[in-house]
C-alpha atoms as a PDB file:
ATOM      1  CA  GLN A   1      55.749  -1.050 -14.312  1.00  0.00           C
ATOM      2  CA  VAL A   2      54.219   2.031 -15.036  1.00  0.00           C
ATOM      3  CA  GLN A   3      56.215   4.769 -17.337  1.00  0.00           C
ATOM      4  CA  LEU A   4      55.495   8.467 -17.572  1.00  0.00           C
ATOM      5  CA  VAL A   5      57.079   9.899 -20.133  1.00  0.00           C
ATOM      6  CA  GLU A   6      56.252  13.888 -20.516  1.00  0.00           C
ATOM      7  CA  SER A   7      57.412  15.881 -23.434  1.00  0.00           C
ATOM      8  CA  GLY A   8      56.478  19.550 -24.587  1.00  0.00           C
ATOM      9  CA  GLY A   9      59.190  20.818 -23.033  1.00  0.00           C
ATOM     10  CA  GLY A  10      61.793  24.370 -24.299  1.00  0.00           C
ATOM     11  CA  LEU A  11      63.579  27.696 -24.481  1.00  0.00           C
ATOM     12  CA  VAL A  12      60.461  30.429 -24.380  1.00  0.00           C
ATOM     13  CA  GLN A  13      60.139  34.530 -23.849  1.00  0.00           C
ATOM     14  CA  ALA A  14      58.631  35.710 -20.709  1.00  0.00           C
ATOM     15  CA  GLY A  15      54.922  36.057 -21.741  1.00  0.00           C
ATOM     16  CA  ASP A  16      54.314  33.088 -24.462  1.00  0.00           C
ATOM     17  CA  SER A  17      53.004  29.221 -23.148  1.00  0.00           C
ATOM     18  CA  LEU A  18      53.807  25.977 -24.215  1.00  0.00           C
ATOM     19  CA  ARG A  19      51.617  23.089 -23.045  1.00  0.00           C
ATOM     20  CA  LEU A  20      52.926  19.384 -21.686  1.00  0.00           C
ATOM     21  CA  SER A  21      52.325  16.292 -22.154  1.00  0.00           C
ATOM     22  CA  CYS A  22      52.903  12.615 -20.008  1.00  0.00           C
ATOM     23  CA  ALA A  23      51.963  10.054 -21.651  1.00  0.00           C
ATOM     24  CA  ALA A  24      51.678   6.689 -19.647  1.00  0.00           C
ATOM     25  CA  SER A  25      51.853   3.138 -19.892  1.00  0.00           C
ATOM     26  CA  GLY A  26      48.732   0.433 -18.424  1.00  0.00           C
ATOM     27  CA  ARG A  27      45.037   0.453 -18.483  1.00  0.00           C
ATOM     28  CA  THR A  28      44.033   1.784 -15.602  1.00  0.00           C
ATOM     29  CA  PHE A  29      45.165   5.516 -16.125  1.00  0.00           C
ATOM     30  CA  SER A  30      41.643   6.481 -15.321  1.00  0.00           C
ATOM     31  CA  TYR A  31      42.247   5.037 -11.595  1.00  0.00           C
ATOM     32  CA  TYR A  32      44.796   6.798 -10.751  1.00  0.00           C
ATOM     33  CA  ALA A  33      44.710  11.170  -9.654  1.00  0.00           C
ATOM     34  CA  MET A  34      47.485  12.653 -12.323  1.00  0.00           C
ATOM     35  CA  GLY A  35      50.395  15.396 -10.802  1.00  0.00           C
ATOM     36  CA  TRP A  36      52.456  18.379 -12.051  1.00  0.00           C
ATOM     37  CA  PHE A  37      56.154  19.198  -9.926  1.00  0.00           C
ATOM     38  CA  ARG A  38      58.460  21.575 -10.954  1.00  0.00           C
ATOM     39  CA  GLN A  39      61.592  21.788  -9.806  1.00  0.00           C
ATOM     40  CA  ALA A  40      64.031  24.527 -10.357  1.00  0.00           C
ATOM     41  CA  PRO A  41      68.565  24.319  -9.630  1.00  0.00           C
ATOM     42  CA  GLY A  42      68.967  24.642  -5.639  1.00  0.00           C
ATOM     43  CA  GLU A  43      65.704  24.582  -4.769  1.00  0.00           C
ATOM     44  CA  GLU A  44      63.027  21.787  -3.484  1.00  0.00           C
ATOM     45  CA  ARG A  45      60.486  19.961  -5.373  1.00  0.00           C
ATOM     46  CA  GLU A  46      57.523  22.109  -6.120  1.00  0.00           C
ATOM     47  CA  PHE A  47      54.099  21.328  -6.512  1.00  0.00           C
ATOM     48  CA  VAL A  48      52.445  23.043  -9.612  1.00  0.00           C
ATOM     49  CA  ALA A  49      48.884  21.337 -10.020  1.00  0.00           C
ATOM     50  CA  THR A  50      46.666  17.872  -9.910  1.00  0.00           C
ATOM     51  CA  ILE A  51      43.701  16.542 -10.843  1.00  0.00           C
ATOM     52  CA  SER A  52      41.429  13.301 -10.320  1.00  0.00           C
ATOM     53  CA  GLY A  53      41.021  10.166 -12.001  1.00  0.00           C
ATOM     54  CA  SER A  54      37.952  11.163 -13.872  1.00  0.00           C
ATOM     55  CA  GLY A  55      39.469  14.928 -14.177  1.00  0.00           C
ATOM     56  CA  GLY A  56      36.680  16.319 -12.693  1.00  0.00           C
ATOM     57  CA  VAL A  57      38.408  17.746  -9.898  1.00  0.00           C
ATOM     58  CA  THR A  58      41.999  20.107  -9.753  1.00  0.00           C
ATOM     59  CA  ARG A  59      44.105  22.274  -7.638  1.00  0.00           C
ATOM     60  CA  TYR A  60      47.360  24.466  -8.426  1.00  0.00           C
ATOM     61  CA  GLY A  61      50.038  25.662  -6.994  1.00  0.00           C
ATOM     62  CA  ASP A  62      50.104  29.304  -5.248  1.00  0.00           C
ATOM     63  CA  SER A  63      52.438  30.627  -7.882  1.00  0.00           C
ATOM     64  CA  VAL A  64      50.695  28.914 -10.721  1.00  0.00           C
ATOM     65  CA  LYS A  65      46.892  30.198 -10.156  1.00  0.00           C
ATOM     66  CA  GLY A  66      45.445  31.240 -12.838  1.00  0.00           C
ATOM     67  CA  ARG A  67      47.940  31.042 -15.355  1.00  0.00           C
ATOM     68  CA  PHE A  68      48.070  27.298 -15.395  1.00  0.00           C
ATOM     69  CA  THR A  69      46.024  24.439 -16.554  1.00  0.00           C
ATOM     70  CA  ILE A  70      45.638  20.928 -15.652  1.00  0.00           C
ATOM     71  CA  SER A  71      43.643  18.353 -18.078  1.00  0.00           C
ATOM     72  CA  ARG A  72      43.792  14.812 -19.534  1.00  0.00           C
ATOM     73  CA  ASP A  73      41.799  12.474 -21.932  1.00  0.00           C
ATOM     74  CA  ASN A  74      41.846   9.109 -20.906  1.00  0.00           C
ATOM     75  CA  ALA A  75      41.047   7.328 -24.008  1.00  0.00           C
ATOM     76  CA  LYS A  76      44.875   8.746 -24.387  1.00  0.00           C
ATOM     77  CA  ASN A  77      46.977   7.641 -21.323  1.00  0.00           C
ATOM     78  CA  THR A  78      47.627  11.211 -21.274  1.00  0.00           C
ATOM     79  CA  VAL A  79      48.059  14.472 -18.484  1.00  0.00           C
ATOM     80  CA  TYR A  80      48.481  18.140 -20.140  1.00  0.00           C
ATOM     81  CA  LEU A  81      49.986  21.179 -18.430  1.00  0.00           C
ATOM     82  CA  GLN A  82      48.808  24.321 -20.903  1.00  0.00           C
ATOM     83  CA  MET A  83      51.131  26.648 -18.972  1.00  0.00           C
ATOM     84  CA  ASN A  84      50.762  30.468 -19.942  1.00  0.00           C
ATOM     85  CA  ASP A  85      52.613  33.801 -19.585  1.00  0.00           C
ATOM     86  CA  LEU A  86      55.518  32.262 -18.208  1.00  0.00           C
ATOM     87  CA  LYS A  87      57.732  33.718 -16.245  1.00  0.00           C
ATOM     88  CA  PRO A  88      61.157  33.532 -15.427  1.00  0.00           C
ATOM     89  CA  GLU A  89      60.732  32.025 -11.941  1.00  0.00           C
ATOM     90  CA  ASP A  90      58.986  29.755 -14.159  1.00  0.00           C
ATOM     91  CA  THR A  91      62.344  27.238 -15.381  1.00  0.00           C
ATOM     92  CA  ALA A  92      62.484  23.802 -14.263  1.00  0.00           C
ATOM     93  CA  VAL A  93      62.892  20.499 -14.623  1.00  0.00           C
ATOM     94  CA  TYR A  94      58.393  19.932 -15.315  1.00  0.00           C
ATOM     95  CA  TYR A  95      57.457  16.344 -13.765  1.00  0.00           C
ATOM     96  CA  CYS A  96      54.629  14.774 -13.643  1.00  0.00           C
ATOM     97  CA  ALA A  97      53.705  11.573 -11.738  1.00  0.00           C
ATOM     98  CA  ARG A  98      50.976   9.101 -11.005  1.00  0.00           C
ATOM     99  CA  GLY A  99      49.133   9.643  -7.786  1.00  0.00           C
ATOM    100  CA  LYS A 100      48.979   6.786  -5.397  1.00  0.00           C
ATOM    101  CA  TYR A 101      44.526   7.505  -5.021  1.00  0.00           C
ATOM    102  CA  ALA A 102      41.704   8.166  -7.590  1.00  0.00           C
ATOM    103  CA  ILE A 103      40.812  11.292  -5.645  1.00  0.00           C
ATOM    104  CA  GLU A 104      42.523  14.336  -6.337  1.00  0.00           C
ATOM    105  CA  VAL A 105      45.852  13.737  -3.762  1.00  0.00           C
ATOM    106  CA  GLY A 106      47.404  17.441  -2.733  1.00  0.00           C
ATOM    107  CA  PRO A 107      50.619  18.220  -3.227  1.00  0.00           C
ATOM    108  CA  PRO A 108      52.450  15.641  -0.472  1.00  0.00           C
ATOM    109  CA  ILE A 109      54.966  13.534  -2.730  1.00  0.00           C
ATOM    110  CA  ASN A 110      54.682  10.945  -0.468  1.00  0.00           C
ATOM    111  CA  ASN A 111      51.145  11.019  -2.571  1.00  0.00           C
ATOM    112  CA  TYR A 112      52.734  10.093  -5.804  1.00  0.00           C
ATOM    113  CA  ASP A 113      54.205   7.228  -5.738  1.00  0.00           C
ATOM    114  CA  TYR A 114      55.360   7.240 -10.100  1.00  0.00           C
ATOM    115  CA  TRP A 115      57.371   9.017 -11.810  1.00  0.00           C
ATOM    116  CA  GLY A 116      58.749  10.354 -15.464  1.00  0.00           C
ATOM    117  CA  ARG A 117      62.388  11.618 -15.495  1.00  0.00           C
ATOM    118  CA  GLY A 118      60.961  15.496 -16.578  1.00  0.00           C
ATOM    119  CA  THR A 119      61.364  17.465 -19.825  1.00  0.00           C
ATOM    120  CA  GLN A 120      62.921  21.448 -19.382  1.00  0.00           C
ATOM    121  CA  VAL A 121      61.432  24.351 -19.366  1.00  0.00           C
ATOM    122  CA  THR A 122      63.700  27.777 -19.817  1.00  0.00           C
ATOM    123  CA  VAL A 123      61.607  30.961 -19.843  1.00  0.00           C
ATOM    124  CA  SER A 124      63.750  34.006 -21.149  1.00  0.00           C
ATOM    125  CA  SER A 125      63.598  37.202 -20.105  1.00  0.00           C
END
């Protein structure tokens, strides 16, 4: 059983930055792509970013391109989401998820098999 634990959320002002972390259990972390999603109240879960198992390939949702950066440290079994120039519309619960494959698996939620419980990010205007 794989466990994913997010951390780093909080309350910030518009224009601020935050870095989210997601620590994964298990010995085969580098074998799998990882992703970040977010869900605001009353909204569907939205794709934010994904990274291949090696870290060499990334993809971003249109709403965060140029502001967010996904990265991973396979030695620490951790994936990160650096969020810059935060906007009130970035307010959501952020979830990390493990992809089913090592290659970058893109936005489809069905391409991910394990999920964390989420961390709240609130951006005030």
